[in-house]
Amino acid sequence: MASSPPGAIPPRPVRPAERYDGPPSYHVPPRWGFPHLAWRVPTAVPGTPSSWPSPVERVRVLHRNAVTILWFLTGLAVVAAGAEFWRYALLVASRTTALHAATVAFSDALEIIASLLTVVFGLLGLGATLWWLLIARAAAAEAAGQEPARSTREVIAGVLVPGVNLVMAGSILAELEHLVLGRAPVGRPRPSRVVLAWWAAWIANEVLMLLVIGWRFKDGVQAMADSVLLAGLLNVSAAGLAALTAVLVYRLTTLLAPARTDRLRRWQVRSVKGAPAPPLRPVRPAGAAR
């Protein structure tokens, strides 16, 4: 192998170390710089394109809010039903014995507070569930590559208009379930048992509500006692309807938007049973380096 003789290639000149003269200076204030903000996702920085969350992602968020409100409404309705039945028992007992004023006052306060909270959370649950229903229909139609069978106005009217919602509400949920399950679009929706149970609870709750409202206009002591009993049954029906709605919302959301794999917990091996023992390590010589 050939090599250059000594002295054929001149050595590289050694550059002296530069002296530090301090930070850079400018004749005029510089007009460049970094934006005054902390580190963010690139799509959240002003001036960069950002995307609106997809209907599937919105369904995940809305279903959590709706389910939480519905289960809380279930508990409130159970308490309100208990207060109504206790009040009815006090009315029956007052026919033969005198009641303690504190007991009557506590029963009235419990009934008023529980009923008021049930009404408030009932409206919140209705709004949250209706909002989830509209977004879930859009997500299911987008996943199936179809247009929704009904318009938004028809869905809102089919859920909120009394009388009409007795027939329309169940069919709307059946159509949503039909899309979520990926069935043929030309086929007729066949509601599952959960949807049928919800539909029956919905009809029973609305019929009891109309019956309670009509019974309030009757005169007489017996009519007042009957209205208290009917109000208790209405609260029981509302609790069952809220629980079935929570189960149905969770079920359809799980089918439509399964949990993301990147957000699942990773499994950890804590113990191994029945595995063969590992081979023994060879004995290290005394003078061997570690």
Protein backbone atom coordinates (compact mmCIF):
# COMPACT_ATOMS: atom_id res chain seq x y z
CA MET A 1 0.00 0.00 0.00
CA ALA A 2 1.52 3.36 -1.13
CA SER A 3 1.76 6.31 1.25
CA SER A 4 2.94 9.89 0.85
CA PRO A 5 6.52 10.64 1.91
CA PRO A 6 6.99 12.76 5.03
CA GLY A 7 6.67 16.47 4.33
CA ALA A 8 4.78 16.04 1.05
CA ILE A 9 1.51 17.32 2.54
CA PRO A 10 1.80 20.60 4.45
CA PRO A 11 0.11 20.62 7.85
CA ARG A 12 -3.12 22.51 8.33
CA PRO A 13 -2.70 25.94 9.81
CA VAL A 14 -3.84 26.25 13.39
CA ARG A 15 -6.57 28.88 13.77
CA PRO A 16 -6.30 30.98 16.88
CA ALA A 17 -9.23 30.85 19.26
CA GLU A 18 -11.68 33.68 18.71
CA ARG A 19 -12.19 36.10 21.54
CA TYR A 20 -15.69 36.48 22.98
CA ASP A 21 -16.87 40.04 22.47
CA GLY A 22 -20.22 39.71 24.25
CA PRO A 23 -23.74 39.23 22.91
CA PRO A 24 -24.58 40.38 19.38
CA SER A 25 -25.55 44.00 18.90
CA TYR A 26 -27.75 45.56 16.24
CA HIS A 27 -27.87 49.05 14.81
CA VAL A 28 -31.71 48.93 14.87
CA PRO A 29 -34.06 46.80 17.04
CA PRO A 30 -34.58 43.43 15.36
CA ARG A 31 -38.08 42.69 14.08
CA TRP A 32 -37.83 38.93 14.27
CA GLY A 33 -38.47 36.66 17.25
CA PHE A 34 -40.46 33.77 18.59
CA PRO A 35 -44.19 34.06 19.40
CA HIS A 36 -45.06 34.89 22.99
CA LEU A 37 -46.73 31.59 23.87
CA ALA A 38 -45.90 28.35 25.61
CA TRP A 39 -45.35 25.08 23.80
CA ARG A 40 -48.56 23.83 22.22
CA VAL A 41 -49.77 21.30 19.74
CA PRO A 42 -48.74 22.58 16.29
CA THR A 43 -52.35 22.75 15.10
CA ALA A 44 -53.21 25.03 18.04
CA VAL A 45 -50.67 27.74 17.11
CA PRO A 46 -52.28 30.73 15.37
CA GLY A 47 -51.67 30.72 11.66
CA THR A 48 -51.52 26.93 11.31
CA PRO A 49 -54.40 24.81 9.99
CA SER A 50 -56.57 23.26 12.69
CA SER A 51 -59.27 20.60 12.33
CA TRP A 52 -62.66 20.35 14.02
CA PRO A 53 -63.06 17.15 16.09
CA SER A 54 -64.76 14.35 14.20
CA PRO A 55 -68.28 13.22 15.14
CA VAL A 56 -66.87 10.01 16.64
CA GLU A 57 -64.63 11.96 19.01
CA ARG A 58 -67.54 14.21 19.98
CA VAL A 59 -69.70 11.17 20.65
CA ARG A 60 -67.14 9.88 23.17
CA VAL A 61 -67.18 13.17 25.08
CA LEU A 62 -70.95 13.67 24.96
CA HIS A 63 -71.75 10.14 26.06
CA ARG A 64 -69.68 10.54 29.24
CA ASN A 65 -71.58 13.70 30.18
CA ALA A 66 -74.96 12.20 29.35
CA VAL A 67 -74.34 8.94 31.23
CA THR A 68 -73.13 10.80 34.33
CA ILE A 69 -76.22 13.02 34.40
CA LEU A 70 -78.56 10.09 33.77
CA TRP A 71 -77.18 7.97 36.61
CA PHE A 72 -77.39 10.94 38.95
CA LEU A 73 -80.97 11.47 37.79
CA THR A 74 -81.72 7.81 38.55
CA GLY A 75 -80.64 8.26 42.16
CA LEU A 76 -82.63 11.47 42.55
CA ALA A 77 -85.74 9.87 41.10
CA VAL A 78 -85.45 6.96 43.54
CA VAL A 79 -85.19 9.40 46.46
CA ALA A 80 -88.15 11.38 45.15
CA ALA A 81 -90.21 8.19 44.82
CA GLY A 82 -89.37 7.23 48.38
CA ALA A 83 -90.42 10.70 49.58
CA GLU A 84 -93.73 10.44 47.74
CA PHE A 85 -94.51 6.98 49.14
CA TRP A 86 -93.58 8.13 52.65
CA ARG A 87 -95.91 11.08 52.24
CA TYR A 88 -98.70 8.76 51.12
CA ALA A 89 -98.09 6.56 54.16
CA LEU A 90 -98.35 9.63 56.40
CA LEU A 91 -101.63 10.57 54.75
CA VAL A 92 -103.02 7.11 55.43
CA ALA A 93 -101.78 7.18 59.04
CA SER A 94 -103.27 10.63 59.63
CA ARG A 95 -106.77 9.22 59.24
CA THR A 96 -106.56 7.47 62.61
CA THR A 97 -103.69 9.12 64.52
CA ALA A 98 -102.15 12.55 64.87
CA LEU A 99 -98.79 13.15 63.22
CA HIS A 100 -95.79 14.93 64.68
CA ALA A 101 -95.24 18.36 63.15
CA ALA A 102 -91.50 17.78 62.68
CA THR A 103 -92.12 14.53 60.80
CA VAL A 104 -94.59 16.19 58.44
CA ALA A 105 -92.28 19.16 57.88
CA PHE A 106 -89.31 16.89 57.11
CA SER A 107 -91.42 14.81 54.72
CA ASP A 108 -92.65 17.91 52.88
CA ALA A 109 -89.13 19.35 52.62
CA LEU A 110 -87.70 16.07 51.33
CA GLU A 111 -90.46 15.72 48.76
CA ILE A 112 -90.12 19.30 47.49
CA ILE A 113 -86.31 19.25 47.25
CA ALA A 114 -86.11 15.79 45.66
CA SER A 115 -88.87 16.56 43.17
CA LEU A 116 -87.32 19.90 42.19
CA LEU A 117 -83.87 18.37 41.69
CA THR A 118 -85.40 15.51 39.72
CA VAL A 119 -87.10 17.95 37.36
CA VAL A 120 -83.93 20.02 36.90
CA PHE A 121 -81.69 17.03 36.24
CA GLY A 122 -84.41 15.51 34.07
CA LEU A 123 -84.23 18.53 31.76
CA LEU A 124 -80.43 18.39 31.79
CA GLY A 125 -80.48 14.68 31.01
CA LEU A 126 -82.96 15.20 28.18
CA GLY A 127 -80.81 17.93 26.65
CA ALA A 128 -77.56 15.95 27.00
CA THR A 129 -79.11 12.80 25.57
CA LEU A 130 -80.71 14.65 22.66
CA TRP A 131 -77.41 16.32 21.83
CA TRP A 132 -75.66 12.94 21.96
CA LEU A 133 -78.37 11.47 19.73
CA LEU A 134 -77.88 14.09 17.02
CA ILE A 135 -74.09 13.68 16.97
CA ALA A 136 -74.33 9.88 17.15
CA ARG A 137 -76.63 9.85 14.12
CA ALA A 138 -74.14 11.93 12.17
CA ALA A 139 -71.23 9.70 13.20
CA ALA A 140 -73.11 6.50 12.37
CA ALA A 141 -74.19 7.85 8.98
CA GLU A 142 -70.62 8.95 8.20
CA ALA A 143 -69.22 5.54 9.19
CA ALA A 144 -71.81 3.76 7.03
CA GLY A 145 -71.35 6.15 4.09
CA GLN A 146 -75.02 7.11 4.08
CA GLU A 147 -77.23 10.09 4.72
CA PRO A 148 -79.31 10.16 7.94
CA ALA A 149 -82.80 8.77 7.39
CA ARG A 150 -84.40 11.78 9.12
CA SER A 151 -83.52 15.44 9.33
CA THR A 152 -82.50 17.15 12.54
CA ARG A 153 -85.89 18.86 12.83
CA GLU A 154 -87.71 15.56 12.52
CA VAL A 155 -85.55 14.02 15.24
CA ILE A 156 -86.09 16.93 17.63
CA ALA A 157 -89.83 16.94 16.97
CA GLY A 158 -90.00 13.16 17.32
CA VAL A 159 -88.41 13.36 20.77
CA LEU A 160 -89.97 16.52 22.23
CA VAL A 161 -93.50 16.78 20.82
CA PRO A 162 -95.95 15.00 23.19
CA GLY A 163 -97.96 12.25 21.57
CA VAL A 164 -95.76 12.10 18.51
CA ASN A 165 -92.75 11.01 20.57
CA LEU A 166 -94.62 7.92 21.78
CA VAL A 167 -94.09 6.43 18.31
CA MET A 168 -91.16 8.37 16.90
CA ALA A 169 -88.65 8.18 19.77
CA GLY A 170 -88.37 4.41 19.72
CA SER A 171 -88.16 4.24 15.93
CA ILE A 172 -85.39 6.87 15.88
CA LEU A 173 -83.31 4.82 18.33
CA ALA A 174 -84.03 1.65 16.35
CA GLU A 175 -82.75 3.34 13.19
CA LEU A 176 -79.61 4.50 15.01
CA GLU A 177 -78.98 0.99 16.33
CA HIS A 178 -79.52 -0.38 12.81
CA LEU A 179 -76.79 1.91 11.46
CA VAL A 180 -74.39 1.31 14.35
CA LEU A 181 -74.59 -2.47 13.93
CA GLY A 182 -73.71 -2.11 10.24
CA ARG A 183 -76.82 -3.78 8.91
CA ALA A 184 -78.04 -3.43 5.34
CA PRO A 185 -79.51 0.03 4.72
CA VAL A 186 -82.42 -1.37 2.73
CA GLY A 187 -83.44 -3.70 5.54
CA ARG A 188 -86.09 -2.84 8.09
CA PRO A 189 -84.71 -1.92 11.52
CA ARG A 190 -85.35 -4.59 14.13
CA PRO A 191 -84.90 -3.10 17.61
CA SER A 192 -83.09 -5.14 20.22
CA ARG A 193 -84.49 -6.00 23.63
CA VAL A 194 -82.75 -3.04 25.21
CA VAL A 195 -84.37 -0.64 22.74
CA LEU A 196 -87.77 -2.28 23.21
CA ALA A 197 -87.45 -2.07 27.00
CA TRP A 198 -86.48 1.59 26.70
CA TRP A 199 -89.42 2.24 24.38
CA ALA A 200 -91.86 0.66 26.86
CA ALA A 201 -90.38 2.67 29.75
CA TRP A 202 -90.63 5.84 27.67
CA ILE A 203 -94.32 5.26 26.92
CA ALA A 204 -95.12 4.33 30.52
CA ASN A 205 -93.34 7.42 31.84
CA GLU A 206 -95.19 9.77 29.50
CA VAL A 207 -98.57 8.18 30.20
CA LEU A 208 -97.98 8.45 33.95
CA MET A 209 -96.91 12.08 33.55
CA LEU A 210 -100.13 12.96 31.74
CA LEU A 211 -102.13 11.03 34.33
CA VAL A 212 -100.48 12.89 37.22
CA ILE A 213 -101.08 16.26 35.56
CA GLY A 214 -104.73 15.42 34.94
CA TRP A 215 -105.24 14.08 38.46
CA ARG A 216 -104.01 17.35 39.98
CA PHE A 217 -107.15 19.12 38.76
CA LYS A 218 -109.48 16.83 40.70
CA ASP A 219 -110.97 17.96 44.00
CA GLY A 220 -111.28 16.00 47.21
CA VAL A 221 -109.05 14.43 49.81
CA GLN A 222 -108.97 11.05 48.07
CA ALA A 223 -107.91 12.66 44.79
CA MET A 224 -105.02 14.39 46.57
CA ALA A 225 -103.90 11.11 48.11
CA ASP A 226 -104.15 9.36 44.75
CA SER A 227 -102.09 12.09 43.10
CA VAL A 228 -99.32 11.55 45.68
CA LEU A 229 -99.31 7.81 44.94
CA LEU A 230 -99.26 8.44 41.19
CA ALA A 231 -96.37 10.89 41.63
CA GLY A 232 -94.40 8.16 43.41
CA LEU A 233 -95.07 5.74 40.55
CA LEU A 234 -94.02 8.44 38.09
CA ASN A 235 -90.69 8.85 39.88
CA VAL A 236 -90.14 5.08 39.82
CA SER A 237 -90.83 5.11 36.09
CA ALA A 238 -88.46 8.05 35.63
CA ALA A 239 -85.70 6.21 37.50
CA GLY A 240 -86.11 3.14 35.32
CA LEU A 241 -86.19 5.25 32.15
CA ALA A 242 -83.04 7.16 33.14
CA ALA A 243 -81.18 3.91 33.94
CA LEU A 244 -82.21 2.30 30.65
CA THR A 245 -81.22 5.44 28.75
CA ALA A 246 -77.78 5.43 30.37
CA VAL A 247 -77.29 1.76 29.47
CA LEU A 248 -78.47 2.34 25.90
CA VAL A 249 -76.27 5.41 25.39
CA TYR A 250 -73.23 3.53 26.71
CA ARG A 251 -73.96 0.47 24.55
CA LEU A 252 -74.43 2.37 21.31
CA THR A 253 -71.40 4.56 21.97
CA THR A 254 -69.23 1.50 22.64
CA LEU A 255 -70.33 -0.02 19.34
CA LEU A 256 -69.95 3.21 17.41
CA ALA A 257 -66.71 4.52 18.93
CA PRO A 258 -64.70 1.75 20.62
CA ALA A 259 -61.96 2.68 23.07
CA ARG A 260 -58.71 3.80 21.48
CA THR A 261 -55.86 1.32 21.83
CA ASP A 262 -53.32 4.04 22.55
CA ARG A 263 -55.25 5.05 25.69
CA LEU A 264 -55.63 1.58 27.16
CA ARG A 265 -53.61 0.58 30.17
CA ARG A 266 -50.58 -1.56 29.45
CA TRP A 267 -50.46 -4.92 31.16
CA GLN A 268 -47.66 -5.58 33.61
CA VAL A 269 -46.31 -9.01 34.53
CA ARG A 270 -46.41 -9.23 38.33
CA SER A 271 -45.84 -12.95 38.80
CA VAL A 272 -45.30 -16.11 36.73
CA LYS A 273 -46.67 -19.46 37.90
CA GLY A 274 -45.81 -22.87 36.48
CA ALA A 275 -42.92 -21.65 34.32
CA PRO A 276 -39.65 -23.68 34.23
CA ALA A 277 -36.79 -22.39 36.32
CA PRO A 278 -34.24 -20.25 34.44
CA PRO A 279 -30.86 -21.87 33.67
CA LEU A 280 -28.10 -21.34 36.23
CA ARG A 281 -25.47 -18.77 35.41
CA PRO A 282 -21.91 -20.07 35.04
CA VAL A 283 -19.60 -19.38 37.94
CA ARG A 284 -17.49 -16.29 37.30
CA PRO A 285 -13.74 -16.81 37.78
CA ALA A 286 -12.27 -15.01 40.76
CA GLY A 287 -9.87 -12.86 38.70
CA ALA A 288 -12.28 -12.04 35.91
CA ALA A 289 -13.10 -8.36 35.27
CA ARG A 290 -16.68 -7.35 36.00
